[in-house]
Amino acid sequence: MVIGAASGIYVWNYIHAPFKGEESRWIYLPTGTTRTALADSLKSALGDETGSRVFSVYCAVANDSAVIRGAYLIKPGTTAKDIARTLISRNQTPVRVTFISVRTLEVLAERLDAQLDMSASDFLDACQRVLPPAGFTAREQYPAAFIPDTYEFYWDASADKVVSRLLQERNNFWNDERRAKAKALGLNPVKVATIASIVADETKDPEERKTVARLYLNRIHKNMLLQADPTVKFALGDFSLRRILNKHLTVDSPYNTYKYPGVPPGPISIPEKSVLLAVLDAPDHDYLYMCARPDRSGLHNFSTTYSQHLVNARKFQKWLNSRKIF
């Protein structure tokens, strides 16, 4: 009886021993994790003693067909028994996924690859499956299906679920009121996102973005070429260009708004909510031309006439020349 009691106490203490770390630790178990790999991951995250105890309890309770995968946040004081139970029940901790300042769909895929248990190619393939039935008829439109923000996912969520969830959040943004605003401008959500992506590249100033957005809307309504430098950089695949020259304007691309009229086929980046709203709520004005100011402010001079625009442009060109920016 004494031996039995002592054994019972030992087992109780063994499985109820708490994780003694000073801070919470993540355990990441990719799809296809074996029990051997599980043991190594537990020891790496929780230390040899706690990791071994959790693994022993897991093996004693879980059946051979148990699925081992997911991400789990283990808090200090959690017992070996509870940690094992969490793994067996796959009671995962959602991970926060953030992406901002995303230039291309490929960059978004890489950002998600770094934060979730899926590859960049998995995400891109899922876009091909999920987005066309949702109305995105061309790959150039795909960036308009996403809005930069912070989201929560299970770490092992499938690529299709990730794309569908991001698309749903985008659709939530595009409520009836905002769709009506876009329609009043003669646009749809994809074209709003495309204009917003250009505006975002033209200026970082929140207030000036509204002015730039209305300028492009004015040009569209007058059937004028947009003549937006960021679209030329996109067409050339070189956003490092500091000065757009005549030779750059000859590039034959539907994104070259110096050559092709209307709104480009799709966004040149993935614009944030604030820039989408800058387009939808752009204040009225009569500006048709803009030119960067001859300083380092990043702001612009605006004009209603081409003659005044030429004056502003010459000042800016002179400033560039003085700094040997060619």
C-alpha atoms as a PDB file:
ATOM      1  CA  MET A   1       0.000   0.000   0.000  1.00  0.00           C
ATOM      2  CA  VAL A   2       2.822   2.340   0.861  1.00  0.00           C
ATOM      3  CA  ILE A   3       4.571   1.602  -2.427  1.00  0.00           C
ATOM      4  CA  GLY A   4       1.297   2.083  -4.317  1.00  0.00           C
ATOM      5  CA  ALA A   5       0.607   5.372  -2.556  1.00  0.00           C
ATOM      6  CA  ALA A   6       4.135   6.588  -3.208  1.00  0.00           C
ATOM      7  CA  SER A   7       3.836   5.639  -6.872  1.00  0.00           C
ATOM      8  CA  GLY A   8       0.534   7.472  -7.130  1.00  0.00           C
ATOM      9  CA  ILE A   9       1.996  10.593  -5.572  1.00  0.00           C
ATOM     10  CA  TYR A  10       4.975  10.419  -7.941  1.00  0.00           C
ATOM     11  CA  VAL A  11       2.743  10.104 -10.995  1.00  0.00           C
ATOM     12  CA  TRP A  12       0.515  12.927  -9.753  1.00  0.00           C
ATOM     13  CA  ASN A  13       3.465  15.223  -9.212  1.00  0.00           C
ATOM     14  CA  TYR A  14       4.977  14.170 -12.525  1.00  0.00           C
ATOM     15  CA  ILE A  15       1.972  15.021 -14.672  1.00  0.00           C
ATOM     16  CA  HIS A  16       1.002  18.121 -12.671  1.00  0.00           C
ATOM     17  CA  ALA A  17       4.478  19.651 -12.640  1.00  0.00           C
ATOM     18  CA  PRO A  18       4.138  23.205 -13.988  1.00  0.00           C
ATOM     19  CA  PHE A  19       6.077  24.843 -16.790  1.00  0.00           C
ATOM     20  CA  LYS A  20       8.462  27.108 -14.877  1.00  0.00           C
ATOM     21  CA  GLY A  21       9.440  29.479 -17.657  1.00  0.00           C
ATOM     22  CA  GLU A  22       9.400  33.199 -16.940  1.00  0.00           C
ATOM     23  CA  GLU A  23       7.401  33.987 -20.060  1.00  0.00           C
ATOM     24  CA  SER A  24       5.006  32.253 -22.443  1.00  0.00           C
ATOM     25  CA  ARG A  25       6.561  30.102 -25.146  1.00  0.00           C
ATOM     26  CA  TRP A  26       5.264  29.101 -28.575  1.00  0.00           C
ATOM     27  CA  ILE A  27       5.336  25.531 -29.817  1.00  0.00           C
ATOM     28  CA  TYR A  28       5.141  25.264 -33.608  1.00  0.00           C
ATOM     29  CA  LEU A  29       4.377  21.842 -35.072  1.00  0.00           C
ATOM     30  CA  PRO A  30       4.349  21.837 -38.903  1.00  0.00           C
ATOM     31  CA  THR A  31       2.127  19.485 -40.858  1.00  0.00           C
ATOM     32  CA  GLY A  32       3.749  16.039 -40.895  1.00  0.00           C
ATOM     33  CA  THR A  33       5.428  16.374 -37.487  1.00  0.00           C
ATOM     34  CA  THR A  34       6.437  12.944 -36.166  1.00  0.00           C
ATOM     35  CA  ARG A  35       6.479  11.951 -32.509  1.00  0.00           C
ATOM     36  CA  THR A  36      10.241  12.173 -32.498  1.00  0.00           C
ATOM     37  CA  ALA A  37      10.058  15.688 -33.877  1.00  0.00           C
ATOM     38  CA  LEU A  38       7.358  16.491 -31.313  1.00  0.00           C
ATOM     39  CA  ALA A  39       9.666  15.440 -28.484  1.00  0.00           C
ATOM     40  CA  ASP A  40      12.436  17.668 -29.847  1.00  0.00           C
ATOM     41  CA  SER A  41      10.066  20.643 -30.275  1.00  0.00           C
ATOM     42  CA  LEU A  42       8.729  20.298 -26.727  1.00  0.00           C
ATOM     43  CA  LYS A  43      12.209  20.193 -25.224  1.00  0.00           C
ATOM     44  CA  SER A  44      13.353  23.131 -27.353  1.00  0.00           C
ATOM     45  CA  ALA A  45      10.394  25.295 -26.351  1.00  0.00           C
ATOM     46  CA  LEU A  46       9.837  24.226 -22.728  1.00  0.00           C
ATOM     47  CA  GLY A  47      13.187  22.855 -21.617  1.00  0.00           C
ATOM     48  CA  ASP A  48      14.295  19.247 -21.253  1.00  0.00           C
ATOM     49  CA  GLU A  49      12.470  18.524 -17.996  1.00  0.00           C
ATOM     50  CA  THR A  50       9.035  19.934 -18.847  1.00  0.00           C
ATOM     51  CA  GLY A  51       9.325  18.874 -22.485  1.00  0.00           C
ATOM     52  CA  SER A  52      10.031  15.263 -21.505  1.00  0.00           C
ATOM     53  CA  ARG A  53       7.124  15.170 -19.055  1.00  0.00           C
ATOM     54  CA  VAL A  54       4.679  16.585 -21.622  1.00  0.00           C
ATOM     55  CA  PHE A  55       5.874  14.088 -24.220  1.00  0.00           C
ATOM     56  CA  SER A  56       5.480  11.173 -21.818  1.00  0.00           C
ATOM     57  CA  VAL A  57       1.920  12.166 -20.941  1.00  0.00           C
ATOM     58  CA  TYR A  58       1.118  12.744 -24.608  1.00  0.00           C
ATOM     59  CA  CYS A  59       2.344   9.286 -25.613  1.00  0.00           C
ATOM     60  CA  ALA A  60       0.450   7.658 -22.754  1.00  0.00           C
ATOM     61  CA  VAL A  61      -2.883   9.213 -23.738  1.00  0.00           C
ATOM     62  CA  ALA A  62      -2.848   9.983 -27.491  1.00  0.00           C
ATOM     63  CA  ASN A  63      -3.647   7.205 -29.934  1.00  0.00           C
ATOM     64  CA  ASP A  64      -1.280   6.355 -32.750  1.00  0.00           C
ATOM     65  CA  SER A  65      -3.403   8.143 -35.361  1.00  0.00           C
ATOM     66  CA  ALA A  66      -3.491  11.448 -33.486  1.00  0.00           C
ATOM     67  CA  VAL A  67      -2.749  14.439 -35.706  1.00  0.00           C
ATOM     68  CA  ILE A  68       0.281  16.402 -34.540  1.00  0.00           C
ATOM     69  CA  ARG A  69       0.347  19.931 -35.892  1.00  0.00           C
ATOM     70  CA  GLY A  70      -0.494  23.532 -35.086  1.00  0.00           C
ATOM     71  CA  ALA A  71       0.769  26.406 -32.956  1.00  0.00           C
ATOM     72  CA  TYR A  72       0.291  26.549 -29.201  1.00  0.00           C
ATOM     73  CA  LEU A  73       1.151  29.298 -26.732  1.00  0.00           C
ATOM     74  CA  ILE A  74       2.148  27.799 -23.387  1.00  0.00           C
ATOM     75  CA  LYS A  75       1.899  30.068 -20.373  1.00  0.00           C
ATOM     76  CA  PRO A  76       4.060  29.763 -17.258  1.00  0.00           C
ATOM     77  CA  GLY A  77       2.463  27.536 -14.624  1.00  0.00           C
ATOM     78  CA  THR A  78       0.622  25.302 -17.116  1.00  0.00           C
ATOM     79  CA  THR A  79       0.964  21.675 -16.043  1.00  0.00           C
ATOM     80  CA  ALA A  80       2.437  18.923 -18.197  1.00  0.00           C
ATOM     81  CA  LYS A  81      -0.958  17.203 -18.199  1.00  0.00           C
ATOM     82  CA  ASP A  82      -2.763  20.307 -19.469  1.00  0.00           C
ATOM     83  CA  ILE A  83      -0.153  20.968 -22.129  1.00  0.00           C
ATOM     84  CA  ALA A  84      -0.469  17.391 -23.388  1.00  0.00           C
ATOM     85  CA  ARG A  85      -4.255  17.669 -23.342  1.00  0.00           C
ATOM     86  CA  THR A  86      -4.034  20.884 -25.376  1.00  0.00           C
ATOM     87  CA  LEU A  87      -1.903  19.150 -28.008  1.00  0.00           C
ATOM     88  CA  ILE A  88      -4.143  16.088 -28.185  1.00  0.00           C
ATOM     89  CA  SER A  89      -7.325  18.167 -28.555  1.00  0.00           C
ATOM     90  CA  ARG A  90      -5.527  20.480 -31.014  1.00  0.00           C
ATOM     91  CA  ASN A  91      -6.769  23.477 -29.028  1.00  0.00           C
ATOM     92  CA  GLN A  92      -4.522  25.868 -30.921  1.00  0.00           C
ATOM     93  CA  THR A  93      -3.728  29.463 -30.057  1.00  0.00           C
ATOM     94  CA  PRO A  94      -4.597  31.828 -32.925  1.00  0.00           C
ATOM     95  CA  VAL A  95      -1.580  33.696 -34.298  1.00  0.00           C
ATOM     96  CA  ARG A  96      -1.696  37.365 -35.233  1.00  0.00           C
ATOM     97  CA  VAL A  97      -0.737  37.973 -38.847  1.00  0.00           C
ATOM     98  CA  THR A  98       0.128  41.500 -39.969  1.00  0.00           C
ATOM     99  CA  PHE A  99       0.993  42.836 -43.390  1.00  0.00           C
ATOM    100  CA  ILE A 100       1.413  46.464 -44.474  1.00  0.00           C
ATOM    101  CA  SER A 101       3.277  48.267 -47.252  1.00  0.00           C
ATOM    102  CA  VAL A 102       2.868  45.351 -49.632  1.00  0.00           C
ATOM    103  CA  ARG A 103       4.039  46.029 -53.172  1.00  0.00           C
ATOM    104  CA  THR A 104       2.991  42.879 -55.030  1.00  0.00           C
ATOM    105  CA  LEU A 105       0.982  39.709 -54.610  1.00  0.00           C
ATOM    106  CA  GLU A 106       4.244  37.767 -54.481  1.00  0.00           C
ATOM    107  CA  VAL A 107       5.457  39.911 -51.569  1.00  0.00           C
ATOM    108  CA  LEU A 108       2.186  39.269 -49.732  1.00  0.00           C
ATOM    109  CA  ALA A 109       2.644  35.532 -50.306  1.00  0.00           C
ATOM    110  CA  GLU A 110       6.150  35.716 -48.816  1.00  0.00           C
ATOM    111  CA  ARG A 111       4.897  37.679 -45.779  1.00  0.00           C
ATOM    112  CA  LEU A 112       2.232  35.070 -45.081  1.00  0.00           C
ATOM    113  CA  ASP A 113       4.720  32.248 -45.686  1.00  0.00           C
ATOM    114  CA  ALA A 114       6.860  33.716 -42.891  1.00  0.00           C
ATOM    115  CA  GLN A 115       3.949  33.837 -40.443  1.00  0.00           C
ATOM    116  CA  LEU A 116       1.895  30.718 -41.221  1.00  0.00           C
ATOM    117  CA  ASP A 117       2.458  27.032 -41.954  1.00  0.00           C
ATOM    118  CA  MET A 118       2.006  27.338 -45.707  1.00  0.00           C
ATOM    119  CA  SER A 119       4.289  28.207 -48.585  1.00  0.00           C
ATOM    120  CA  ALA A 120       4.146  31.266 -50.798  1.00  0.00           C
ATOM    121  CA  SER A 121       3.293  29.044 -53.749  1.00  0.00           C
ATOM    122  CA  ASP A 122       0.410  27.506 -51.758  1.00  0.00           C
ATOM    123  CA  PHE A 123      -1.048  30.988 -51.278  1.00  0.00           C
ATOM    124  CA  LEU A 124      -0.646  31.986 -54.924  1.00  0.00           C
ATOM    125  CA  ASP A 125      -2.245  28.735 -56.066  1.00  0.00           C
ATOM    126  CA  ALA A 126      -5.145  29.316 -53.676  1.00  0.00           C
ATOM    127  CA  CYS A 127      -5.672  32.775 -55.179  1.00  0.00           C
ATOM    128  CA  GLN A 128      -6.145  31.120 -58.558  1.00  0.00           C
ATOM    129  CA  ARG A 129      -8.803  28.831 -57.096  1.00  0.00           C
ATOM    130  CA  VAL A 130     -10.671  31.241 -54.818  1.00  0.00           C
ATOM    131  CA  LEU A 131     -10.600  34.656 -56.498  1.00  0.00           C
ATOM    132  CA  PRO A 132     -11.972  34.043 -60.037  1.00  0.00           C
ATOM    133  CA  PRO A 133     -15.295  32.652 -58.736  1.00  0.00           C
ATOM    134  CA  ALA A 134     -15.482  35.755 -56.507  1.00  0.00           C
ATOM    135  CA  GLY A 135     -15.423  38.053 -59.552  1.00  0.00           C
ATOM    136  CA  PHE A 136     -11.721  38.753 -59.982  1.00  0.00           C
ATOM    137  CA  THR A 137     -11.489  37.900 -63.661  1.00  0.00           C
ATOM    138  CA  ALA A 138      -7.798  38.667 -64.200  1.00  0.00           C
ATOM    139  CA  ARG A 139      -4.695  38.078 -62.121  1.00  0.00           C
ATOM    140  CA  GLU A 140      -3.883  41.796 -62.333  1.00  0.00           C
ATOM    141  CA  GLN A 141      -6.972  42.400 -60.172  1.00  0.00           C
ATOM    142  CA  TYR A 142      -5.954  40.018 -57.379  1.00  0.00           C
ATOM    143  CA  PRO A 143      -4.200  42.673 -55.223  1.00  0.00           C
ATOM    144  CA  ALA A 144      -7.587  44.402 -54.897  1.00  0.00           C
ATOM    145  CA  ALA A 145      -8.895  41.334 -53.051  1.00  0.00           C
ATOM    146  CA  PHE A 146      -6.823  42.105 -49.955  1.00  0.00           C
ATOM    147  CA  ILE A 147      -6.530  44.935 -47.453  1.00  0.00           C
ATOM    148  CA  PRO A 148      -3.430  45.352 -45.233  1.00  0.00           C
ATOM    149  CA  ASP A 149      -4.244  44.915 -41.547  1.00  0.00           C
ATOM    150  CA  THR A 150      -3.728  42.554 -38.619  1.00  0.00           C
ATOM    151  CA  TYR A 151      -5.661  39.278 -38.707  1.00  0.00           C
ATOM    152  CA  GLU A 152      -5.902  36.153 -36.560  1.00  0.00           C
ATOM    153  CA  PHE A 153      -5.515  32.682 -38.063  1.00  0.00           C
ATOM    154  CA  TYR A 154      -4.768  29.215 -36.856  1.00  0.00           C
ATOM    155  CA  TRP A 155      -1.141  28.689 -37.806  1.00  0.00           C
ATOM    156  CA  ASP A 156      -1.896  25.568 -39.865  1.00  0.00           C
ATOM    157  CA  ALA A 157      -4.869  27.074 -41.722  1.00  0.00           C
ATOM    158  CA  SER A 158      -5.032  25.953 -45.345  1.00  0.00           C
ATOM    159  CA  ALA A 159      -4.111  28.434 -48.050  1.00  0.00           C
ATOM    160  CA  ASP A 160      -7.683  28.378 -49.381  1.00  0.00           C
ATOM    161  CA  LYS A 161      -9.039  29.281 -45.928  1.00  0.00           C
ATOM    162  CA  VAL A 162      -6.531  32.131 -45.600  1.00  0.00           C
ATOM    163  CA  VAL A 163      -7.428  33.595 -49.001  1.00  0.00           C
ATOM    164  CA  SER A 164     -11.155  33.196 -48.320  1.00  0.00           C
ATOM    165  CA  ARG A 165     -10.860  34.854 -44.906  1.00  0.00           C
ATOM    166  CA  LEU A 166      -8.866  37.792 -46.267  1.00  0.00           C
ATOM    167  CA  LEU A 167     -11.353  38.157 -49.112  1.00  0.00           C
ATOM    168  CA  GLN A 168     -14.233  38.189 -46.623  1.00  0.00           C
ATOM    169  CA  GLU A 169     -12.589  40.979 -44.628  1.00  0.00           C
ATOM    170  CA  ARG A 170     -12.150  42.934 -47.859  1.00  0.00           C
ATOM    171  CA  ASN A 171     -15.810  42.381 -48.723  1.00  0.00           C
ATOM    172  CA  ASN A 172     -16.802  43.564 -45.247  1.00  0.00           C
ATOM    173  CA  PHE A 173     -14.991  46.825 -45.961  1.00  0.00           C
ATOM    174  CA  TRP A 174     -16.839  47.177 -49.251  1.00  0.00           C
ATOM    175  CA  ASN A 175     -20.283  47.593 -47.728  1.00  0.00           C
ATOM    176  CA  ASP A 176     -23.272  48.975 -49.643  1.00  0.00           C
ATOM    177  CA  GLU A 177     -22.456  52.577 -48.726  1.00  0.00           C
ATOM    178  CA  ARG A 178     -18.902  52.419 -50.027  1.00  0.00           C
ATOM    179  CA  ARG A 179     -19.921  50.562 -53.167  1.00  0.00           C
ATOM    180  CA  ALA A 180     -22.475  53.315 -53.796  1.00  0.00           C
ATOM    181  CA  LYS A 181     -19.754  55.959 -53.418  1.00  0.00           C
ATOM    182  CA  ALA A 182     -17.563  54.123 -55.914  1.00  0.00           C
ATOM    183  CA  LYS A 183     -20.459  53.857 -58.361  1.00  0.00           C
ATOM    184  CA  ALA A 184     -21.142  57.599 -58.036  1.00  0.00           C
ATOM    185  CA  LEU A 185     -17.532  58.182 -59.097  1.00  0.00           C
ATOM    186  CA  GLY A 186     -18.009  55.910 -62.095  1.00  0.00           C
ATOM    187  CA  LEU A 187     -15.795  53.254 -60.545  1.00  0.00           C
ATOM    188  CA  ASN A 188     -15.966  49.794 -59.009  1.00  0.00           C
ATOM    189  CA  PRO A 189     -13.998  48.528 -55.970  1.00  0.00           C
ATOM    190  CA  VAL A 190     -11.131  47.180 -58.115  1.00  0.00           C
ATOM    191  CA  LYS A 191     -10.694  50.524 -59.888  1.00  0.00           C
ATOM    192  CA  VAL A 192     -10.865  52.387 -56.574  1.00  0.00           C
ATOM    193  CA  ALA A 193      -8.098  50.110 -55.245  1.00  0.00           C
ATOM    194  CA  THR A 194      -6.076  50.727 -58.407  1.00  0.00           C
ATOM    195  CA  ILE A 195      -6.311  54.507 -58.097  1.00  0.00           C
ATOM    196  CA  ALA A 196      -5.596  54.251 -54.367  1.00  0.00           C
ATOM    197  CA  SER A 197      -2.430  52.249 -55.060  1.00  0.00           C
ATOM    198  CA  ILE A 198      -1.189  55.034 -57.333  1.00  0.00           C
ATOM    199  CA  VAL A 199      -2.089  57.716 -54.786  1.00  0.00           C
ATOM    200  CA  ALA A 200      -0.281  55.799 -52.041  1.00  0.00           C
ATOM    201  CA  ASP A 201       2.895  55.826 -54.109  1.00  0.00           C
ATOM    202  CA  GLU A 202       2.629  59.497 -55.032  1.00  0.00           C
ATOM    203  CA  THR A 203       2.569  60.838 -51.473  1.00  0.00           C
ATOM    204  CA  LYS A 204       2.730  59.607 -47.891  1.00  0.00           C
ATOM    205  CA  ASP A 205       0.926  62.658 -46.486  1.00  0.00           C
ATOM    206  CA  PRO A 206      -2.622  61.677 -45.397  1.00  0.00           C
ATOM    207  CA  GLU A 207      -4.206  65.015 -46.280  1.00  0.00           C
ATOM    208  CA  GLU A 208      -2.404  65.400 -49.591  1.00  0.00           C
ATOM    209  CA  ARG A 209      -3.545  61.927 -50.604  1.00  0.00           C
ATOM    210  CA  LYS A 210      -7.120  63.223 -50.714  1.00  0.00           C
ATOM    211  CA  THR A 211      -6.077  66.058 -53.029  1.00  0.00           C
ATOM    212  CA  VAL A 212      -4.108  63.713 -55.295  1.00  0.00           C
ATOM    213  CA  ALA A 213      -7.022  61.280 -55.416  1.00  0.00           C
ATOM    214  CA  ARG A 214      -9.428  63.987 -56.591  1.00  0.00           C
ATOM    215  CA  LEU A 215      -6.881  65.175 -59.158  1.00  0.00           C
ATOM    216  CA  TYR A 216      -6.818  61.726 -60.766  1.00  0.00           C
ATOM    217  CA  LEU A 217     -10.605  61.510 -60.606  1.00  0.00           C
ATOM    218  CA  ASN A 218     -10.791  64.881 -62.375  1.00  0.00           C
ATOM    219  CA  ARG A 219      -8.516  63.629 -65.127  1.00  0.00           C
ATOM    220  CA  ILE A 220     -10.548  60.436 -65.533  1.00  0.00           C
ATOM    221  CA  HIS A 221     -13.795  62.375 -65.832  1.00  0.00           C
ATOM    222  CA  LYS A 222     -12.232  64.617 -68.486  1.00  0.00           C
ATOM    223  CA  ASN A 223     -10.877  61.586 -70.393  1.00  0.00           C
ATOM    224  CA  MET A 224      -7.307  62.770 -69.822  1.00  0.00           C
ATOM    225  CA  LEU A 225      -4.339  60.431 -69.499  1.00  0.00           C
ATOM    226  CA  LEU A 226      -3.499  59.894 -65.833  1.00  0.00           C
ATOM    227  CA  GLN A 227       0.224  60.411 -66.513  1.00  0.00           C
ATOM    228  CA  ALA A 228       1.146  58.962 -63.127  1.00  0.00           C
ATOM    229  CA  ASP A 229       4.852  58.330 -62.608  1.00  0.00           C
ATOM    230  CA  PRO A 230       4.340  55.385 -60.207  1.00  0.00           C
ATOM    231  CA  THR A 231       2.610  53.423 -62.971  1.00  0.00           C
ATOM    232  CA  VAL A 232       5.638  53.881 -65.221  1.00  0.00           C
ATOM    233  CA  LYS A 233       7.908  52.581 -62.468  1.00  0.00           C
ATOM    234  CA  PHE A 234       5.593  49.585 -62.097  1.00  0.00           C
ATOM    235  CA  ALA A 235       5.603  48.964 -65.839  1.00  0.00           C
ATOM    236  CA  LEU A 236       9.412  49.052 -65.828  1.00  0.00           C
ATOM    237  CA  GLY A 237       9.617  46.935 -62.678  1.00  0.00           C
ATOM    238  CA  ASP A 238      11.904  49.506 -61.057  1.00  0.00           C
ATOM    239  CA  PHE A 239      10.561  51.478 -58.094  1.00  0.00           C
ATOM    240  CA  SER A 240      14.028  52.801 -57.295  1.00  0.00           C
ATOM    241  CA  LEU A 241      13.805  55.347 -60.112  1.00  0.00           C
ATOM    242  CA  ARG A 242      14.142  58.842 -58.692  1.00  0.00           C
ATOM    243  CA  ARG A 243      13.398  60.641 -61.920  1.00  0.00           C
ATOM    244  CA  ILE A 244      11.137  59.677 -64.815  1.00  0.00           C
ATOM    245  CA  LEU A 245      12.667  60.634 -68.167  1.00  0.00           C
ATOM    246  CA  ASN A 246      11.218  60.656 -71.690  1.00  0.00           C
ATOM    247  CA  LYS A 247      12.937  57.356 -72.451  1.00  0.00           C
ATOM    248  CA  HIS A 248      10.975  55.727 -69.641  1.00  0.00           C
ATOM    249  CA  LEU A 249       7.657  56.910 -71.062  1.00  0.00           C
ATOM    250  CA  THR A 250       8.029  54.739 -74.153  1.00  0.00           C
ATOM    251  CA  VAL A 251       7.596  51.446 -72.279  1.00  0.00           C
ATOM    252  CA  ASP A 252       4.774  49.499 -73.909  1.00  0.00           C
ATOM    253  CA  SER A 253       2.642  48.367 -70.992  1.00  0.00           C
ATOM    254  CA  PRO A 254      -1.037  48.804 -70.105  1.00  0.00           C
ATOM    255  CA  TYR A 255       0.288  50.226 -66.838  1.00  0.00           C
ATOM    256  CA  ASN A 256       2.013  53.102 -68.655  1.00  0.00           C
ATOM    257  CA  THR A 257      -0.559  55.816 -68.020  1.00  0.00           C
ATOM    258  CA  TYR A 258       1.387  58.241 -70.211  1.00  0.00           C
ATOM    259  CA  LYS A 259       0.557  55.994 -73.157  1.00  0.00           C
ATOM    260  CA  TYR A 260      -2.695  54.172 -72.350  1.00  0.00           C
ATOM    261  CA  PRO A 261      -5.901  55.959 -71.256  1.00  0.00           C
ATOM    262  CA  GLY A 262      -8.107  55.068 -68.332  1.00  0.00           C
ATOM    263  CA  VAL A 263      -7.363  53.181 -65.139  1.00  0.00           C
ATOM    264  CA  PRO A 264      -4.624  50.479 -65.326  1.00  0.00           C
ATOM    265  CA  PRO A 265      -5.646  46.779 -65.274  1.00  0.00           C
ATOM    266  CA  GLY A 266      -5.127  46.467 -61.532  1.00  0.00           C
ATOM    267  CA  PRO A 267      -3.449  47.925 -58.443  1.00  0.00           C
ATOM    268  CA  ILE A 268       0.301  48.540 -58.479  1.00  0.00           C
ATOM    269  CA  SER A 269       0.382  47.731 -54.759  1.00  0.00           C
ATOM    270  CA  ILE A 270      -2.063  46.612 -52.067  1.00  0.00           C
ATOM    271  CA  PRO A 271      -3.492  49.880 -50.668  1.00  0.00           C
ATOM    272  CA  GLU A 272      -4.518  50.341 -47.062  1.00  0.00           C
ATOM    273  CA  LYS A 273      -8.023  51.289 -45.909  1.00  0.00           C
ATOM    274  CA  SER A 274      -7.075  54.921 -45.330  1.00  0.00           C
ATOM    275  CA  VAL A 275      -6.031  55.363 -48.962  1.00  0.00           C
ATOM    276  CA  LEU A 276      -9.161  53.639 -50.276  1.00  0.00           C
ATOM    277  CA  LEU A 277     -11.165  56.108 -48.201  1.00  0.00           C
ATOM    278  CA  ALA A 278      -9.068  58.999 -49.512  1.00  0.00           C
ATOM    279  CA  VAL A 279     -10.321  58.119 -52.997  1.00  0.00           C
ATOM    280  CA  LEU A 280     -13.937  57.532 -51.979  1.00  0.00           C
ATOM    281  CA  ASP A 281     -14.095  60.722 -49.903  1.00  0.00           C
ATOM    282  CA  ALA A 282     -11.802  62.932 -52.002  1.00  0.00           C
ATOM    283  CA  PRO A 283     -12.805  66.613 -51.571  1.00  0.00           C
ATOM    284  CA  ASP A 284     -13.833  68.554 -54.670  1.00  0.00           C
ATOM    285  CA  HIS A 285     -11.306  70.805 -56.411  1.00  0.00           C
ATOM    286  CA  ASP A 286     -10.353  71.724 -60.000  1.00  0.00           C
ATOM    287  CA  TYR A 287      -6.707  70.630 -60.026  1.00  0.00           C
ATOM    288  CA  LEU A 288      -5.558  68.653 -63.054  1.00  0.00           C
ATOM    289  CA  TYR A 289      -1.781  68.813 -62.659  1.00  0.00           C
ATOM    290  CA  MET A 290       0.710  68.133 -59.916  1.00  0.00           C
ATOM    291  CA  CYS A 291       4.453  68.345 -59.566  1.00  0.00           C
ATOM    292  CA  ALA A 292       6.738  67.528 -56.679  1.00  0.00           C
ATOM    293  CA  ARG A 293       7.942  70.542 -54.740  1.00  0.00           C
ATOM    294  CA  PRO A 294      11.596  71.535 -55.194  1.00  0.00           C
ATOM    295  CA  ASP A 295      12.503  70.483 -51.656  1.00  0.00           C
ATOM    296  CA  ARG A 296      12.629  67.331 -49.600  1.00  0.00           C
ATOM    297  CA  SER A 297       9.134  67.638 -48.156  1.00  0.00           C
ATOM    298  CA  GLY A 298       7.637  64.927 -50.352  1.00  0.00           C
ATOM    299  CA  LEU A 299       4.681  67.233 -51.036  1.00  0.00           C
ATOM    300  CA  HIS A 300       3.431  68.656 -54.330  1.00  0.00           C
ATOM    301  CA  ASN A 301       2.412  71.867 -56.051  1.00  0.00           C
ATOM    302  CA  PHE A 302      -0.979  71.649 -57.739  1.00  0.00           C
ATOM    303  CA  SER A 303      -2.357  73.633 -60.652  1.00  0.00           C
ATOM    304  CA  THR A 304      -5.458  73.894 -62.796  1.00  0.00           C
ATOM    305  CA  THR A 305      -3.672  74.967 -65.989  1.00  0.00           C
ATOM    306  CA  TYR A 306      -0.920  73.362 -68.014  1.00  0.00           C
ATOM    307  CA  SER A 307       0.973  76.659 -68.240  1.00  0.00           C
ATOM    308  CA  GLN A 308       1.249  76.898 -64.453  1.00  0.00           C
ATOM    309  CA  HIS A 309       2.201  73.225 -64.329  1.00  0.00           C
ATOM    310  CA  LEU A 310       5.101  73.909 -66.697  1.00  0.00           C
ATOM    311  CA  VAL A 311       6.334  76.639 -64.358  1.00  0.00           C
ATOM    312  CA  ASN A 312       6.225  74.228 -61.411  1.00  0.00           C
ATOM    313  CA  ALA A 313       7.861  71.462 -63.454  1.00  0.00           C
ATOM    314  CA  ARG A 314      10.791  73.674 -64.534  1.00  0.00           C
ATOM    315  CA  LYS A 315      11.451  74.646 -60.920  1.00  0.00           C
ATOM    316  CA  PHE A 316      11.476  70.999 -59.888  1.00  0.00           C
ATOM    317  CA  GLN A 317      13.699  69.950 -62.808  1.00  0.00           C
ATOM    318  CA  LYS A 318      16.152  72.712 -61.951  1.00  0.00           C
ATOM    319  CA  TRP A 319      16.219  71.495 -58.346  1.00  0.00           C
ATOM    320  CA  LEU A 320      16.871  67.912 -59.477  1.00  0.00           C
ATOM    321  CA  ASN A 321      19.668  69.053 -61.790  1.00  0.00           C
ATOM    322  CA  SER A 322      21.312  71.033 -58.980  1.00  0.00           C
ATOM    323  CA  ARG A 323      21.481  67.837 -56.954  1.00  0.00           C
ATOM    324  CA  LYS A 324      22.639  65.764 -59.924  1.00  0.00           C
ATOM    325  CA  ILE A 325      19.588  63.520 -59.827  1.00  0.00           C
ATOM    326  CA  PHE A 326      19.265  62.169 -63.356  1.00  0.00           C
END
